C-alpha atoms as a PDB file:
ATOM      1  CA  MET A   1     -35.709 193.940 164.955  1.00  0.00           C
ATOM      2  CA  LYS A   2     -37.552 192.372 162.031  1.00  0.00           C
ATOM      3  CA  SER A   3     -39.190 188.980 162.318  1.00  0.00           C
ATOM      4  CA  THR A   4     -37.898 186.121 160.216  1.00  0.00           C
ATOM      5  CA  ALA A   5     -39.936 183.281 158.745  1.00  0.00           C
ATOM      6  CA  ALA A   6     -38.597 181.053 161.530  1.00  0.00           C
ATOM      7  CA  ASP A   7     -39.832 183.544 164.149  1.00  0.00           C
ATOM      8  CA  VAL A   8     -43.314 183.495 162.606  1.00  0.00           C
ATOM      9  CA  LEU A   9     -43.277 179.682 162.464  1.00  0.00           C
ATOM     10  CA  ILE A  10     -42.315 179.251 166.120  1.00  0.00           C
ATOM     11  CA  ASP A  11     -44.736 181.961 167.300  1.00  0.00           C
ATOM     12  CA  THR A  12     -47.544 180.289 165.347  1.00  0.00           C
ATOM     13  CA  ILE A  13     -46.998 176.818 166.769  1.00  0.00           C
ATOM     14  CA  ALA A  14     -46.660 178.335 170.241  1.00  0.00           C
ATOM     15  CA  GLU A  15     -50.108 179.889 169.742  1.00  0.00           C
ATOM     16  CA  TRP A  16     -51.369 176.390 168.857  1.00  0.00           C
ATOM     17  CA  GLY A  17     -50.349 175.287 172.356  1.00  0.00           C
ATOM     18  CA  VAL A  18     -47.105 173.535 171.462  1.00  0.00           C
ATOM     19  CA  ASP A  19     -44.732 173.652 174.416  1.00  0.00           C
ATOM     20  CA  VAL A  20     -42.222 170.909 173.506  1.00  0.00           C
ATOM     21  CA  ILE A  21     -40.304 170.164 170.297  1.00  0.00           C
ATOM     22  CA  PHE A  22     -38.146 167.085 169.854  1.00  0.00           C
ATOM     23  CA  GLY A  23     -35.328 167.242 167.360  1.00  0.00           C
ATOM     24  CA  MET A  24     -31.760 167.374 166.244  1.00  0.00           C
ATOM     25  CA  PRO A  25     -30.080 170.614 165.140  1.00  0.00           C
ATOM     26  CA  GLY A  26     -28.399 170.938 161.764  1.00  0.00           C
ATOM     27  CA  ASP A  27     -27.329 173.486 159.180  1.00  0.00           C
ATOM     28  CA  GLY A  28     -30.647 173.453 157.317  1.00  0.00           C
ATOM     29  CA  ILE A  29     -32.595 174.636 160.376  1.00  0.00           C
ATOM     30  CA  ASN A  30     -30.250 177.155 162.002  1.00  0.00           C
ATOM     31  CA  GLY A  31     -32.869 179.893 161.708  1.00  0.00           C
ATOM     32  CA  ILE A  32     -35.481 177.751 163.447  1.00  0.00           C
ATOM     33  CA  MET A  33     -33.006 176.831 166.180  1.00  0.00           C
ATOM     34  CA  GLU A  34     -32.316 180.525 166.794  1.00  0.00           C
ATOM     35  CA  ALA A  35     -36.042 181.273 166.951  1.00  0.00           C
ATOM     36  CA  LEU A  36     -36.425 178.467 169.492  1.00  0.00           C
ATOM     37  CA  ARG A  37     -33.484 179.776 171.523  1.00  0.00           C
ATOM     38  CA  LYS A  38     -35.109 183.211 171.727  1.00  0.00           C
ATOM     39  CA  ARG A  39     -38.384 181.632 172.914  1.00  0.00           C
ATOM     40  CA  GLN A  40     -37.025 178.985 175.266  1.00  0.00           C
ATOM     41  CA  GLU A  41     -39.292 180.189 178.064  1.00  0.00           C
ATOM     42  CA  ARG A  42     -42.337 179.299 175.907  1.00  0.00           C
ATOM     43  CA  ILE A  43     -41.204 176.208 173.995  1.00  0.00           C
ATOM     44  CA  ARG A  44     -38.768 173.621 175.309  1.00  0.00           C
ATOM     45  CA  PHE A  45     -36.450 171.988 172.773  1.00  0.00           C
ATOM     46  CA  ILE A  46     -35.417 168.431 173.597  1.00  0.00           C
ATOM     47  CA  GLN A  47     -32.349 167.396 171.629  1.00  0.00           C
ATOM     48  CA  VAL A  48     -32.079 163.760 170.606  1.00  0.00           C
ATOM     49  CA  ARG A  49     -29.180 161.708 169.280  1.00  0.00           C
ATOM     50  CA  HIS A  50     -31.026 160.486 166.182  1.00  0.00           C
ATOM     51  CA  GLU A  51     -33.858 162.012 164.176  1.00  0.00           C
ATOM     52  CA  GLU A  52     -35.890 158.813 164.284  1.00  0.00           C
ATOM     53  CA  ALA A  53     -36.007 159.081 168.072  1.00  0.00           C
ATOM     54  CA  ALA A  54     -37.397 162.607 167.750  1.00  0.00           C
ATOM     55  CA  ALA A  55     -40.294 161.397 165.612  1.00  0.00           C
ATOM     56  CA  PHE A  56     -41.109 158.516 167.948  1.00  0.00           C
ATOM     57  CA  MET A  57     -40.899 160.863 170.949  1.00  0.00           C
ATOM     58  CA  ALA A  58     -43.275 163.333 169.277  1.00  0.00           C
ATOM     59  CA  CYS A  59     -45.695 160.483 168.557  1.00  0.00           C
ATOM     60  CA  ALA A  60     -45.510 159.199 172.138  1.00  0.00           C
ATOM     61  CA  TYR A  61     -45.962 162.738 173.459  1.00  0.00           C
ATOM     62  CA  ALA A  62     -49.119 163.114 171.371  1.00  0.00           C
ATOM     63  CA  LYS A  63     -50.430 159.730 172.551  1.00  0.00           C
ATOM     64  CA  TYR A  64     -49.950 160.408 176.244  1.00  0.00           C
ATOM     65  CA  THR A  65     -50.799 164.104 176.457  1.00  0.00           C
ATOM     66  CA  GLY A  66     -53.398 164.531 173.723  1.00  0.00           C
ATOM     67  CA  LYS A  67     -51.440 167.552 172.447  1.00  0.00           C
ATOM     68  CA  LEU A  68     -49.788 168.119 169.093  1.00  0.00           C
ATOM     69  CA  GLY A  69     -46.401 166.388 168.965  1.00  0.00           C
ATOM     70  CA  VAL A  70     -43.696 168.228 167.037  1.00  0.00           C
ATOM     71  CA  CYS A  71     -40.395 166.928 165.697  1.00  0.00           C
ATOM     72  CA  LEU A  72     -37.660 168.846 163.932  1.00  0.00           C
ATOM     73  CA  ALA A  73     -34.739 167.759 161.741  1.00  0.00           C
ATOM     74  CA  THR A  74     -32.448 169.197 159.132  1.00  0.00           C
ATOM     75  CA  SER A  75     -32.769 168.543 155.422  1.00  0.00           C
ATOM     76  CA  GLY A  76     -31.871 165.464 153.423  1.00  0.00           C
ATOM     77  CA  LEU A  77     -31.322 162.303 155.395  1.00  0.00           C
ATOM     78  CA  GLY A  78     -32.193 164.077 158.637  1.00  0.00           C
ATOM     79  CA  GLY A  79     -35.725 164.608 157.392  1.00  0.00           C
ATOM     80  CA  LEU A  80     -35.879 161.143 155.905  1.00  0.00           C
ATOM     81  CA  HIS A  81     -35.080 159.571 159.267  1.00  0.00           C
ATOM     82  CA  LEU A  82     -38.318 161.057 160.655  1.00  0.00           C
ATOM     83  CA  LEU A  83     -40.476 158.829 158.452  1.00  0.00           C
ATOM     84  CA  ASN A  84     -40.715 155.782 160.739  1.00  0.00           C
ATOM     85  CA  GLY A  85     -41.995 157.794 163.689  1.00  0.00           C
ATOM     86  CA  PHE A  86     -44.287 159.816 161.456  1.00  0.00           C
ATOM     87  CA  TYR A  87     -45.731 156.613 160.006  1.00  0.00           C
ATOM     88  CA  ASP A  88     -46.297 155.314 163.551  1.00  0.00           C
ATOM     89  CA  ALA A  89     -48.261 158.484 164.316  1.00  0.00           C
ATOM     90  CA  LYS A  90     -50.313 158.012 161.153  1.00  0.00           C
ATOM     91  CA  LEU A  91     -51.183 154.416 162.027  1.00  0.00           C
ATOM     92  CA  ASP A  92     -52.198 155.408 165.556  1.00  0.00           C
ATOM     93  CA  GLY A  93     -54.103 158.499 164.408  1.00  0.00           C
ATOM     94  CA  GLN A  94     -51.959 160.854 166.480  1.00  0.00           C
ATOM     95  CA  PRO A  95     -51.408 164.543 165.661  1.00  0.00           C
ATOM     96  CA  VAL A  96     -47.730 165.057 164.825  1.00  0.00           C
ATOM     97  CA  LEU A  97     -46.167 167.999 163.004  1.00  0.00           C
ATOM     98  CA  VAL A  98     -42.880 167.321 161.215  1.00  0.00           C
ATOM     99  CA  ILE A  99     -40.619 170.274 160.444  1.00  0.00           C
ATOM    100  CA  THR A 100     -37.559 169.901 158.218  1.00  0.00           C
ATOM    101  CA  GLY A 101     -35.057 172.232 156.629  1.00  0.00           C
ATOM    102  CA  LEU A 102     -34.525 172.839 152.950  1.00  0.00           C
END
């Protein structure tokens, strides 16, 4: 089976040592969700009830583990809701990767 862009993305961040992603599924990221489902033994997906919580959780994860925190949300307002947590990571100098759909 051919690899998709989402497969390459998830394989790449797994190679970076990412083992947890916080986020909320949505239509704009269905391909990424499928890539995560196929690799659930390597990367754990923690579903949240609001995108803002995902960003704050990724920031806290980075603070307490020293690893790259990753948060994931769909496009539009889903991605916009990540800003507060991402700004918190910026102010604290923490490594956080934000992934959104189109």
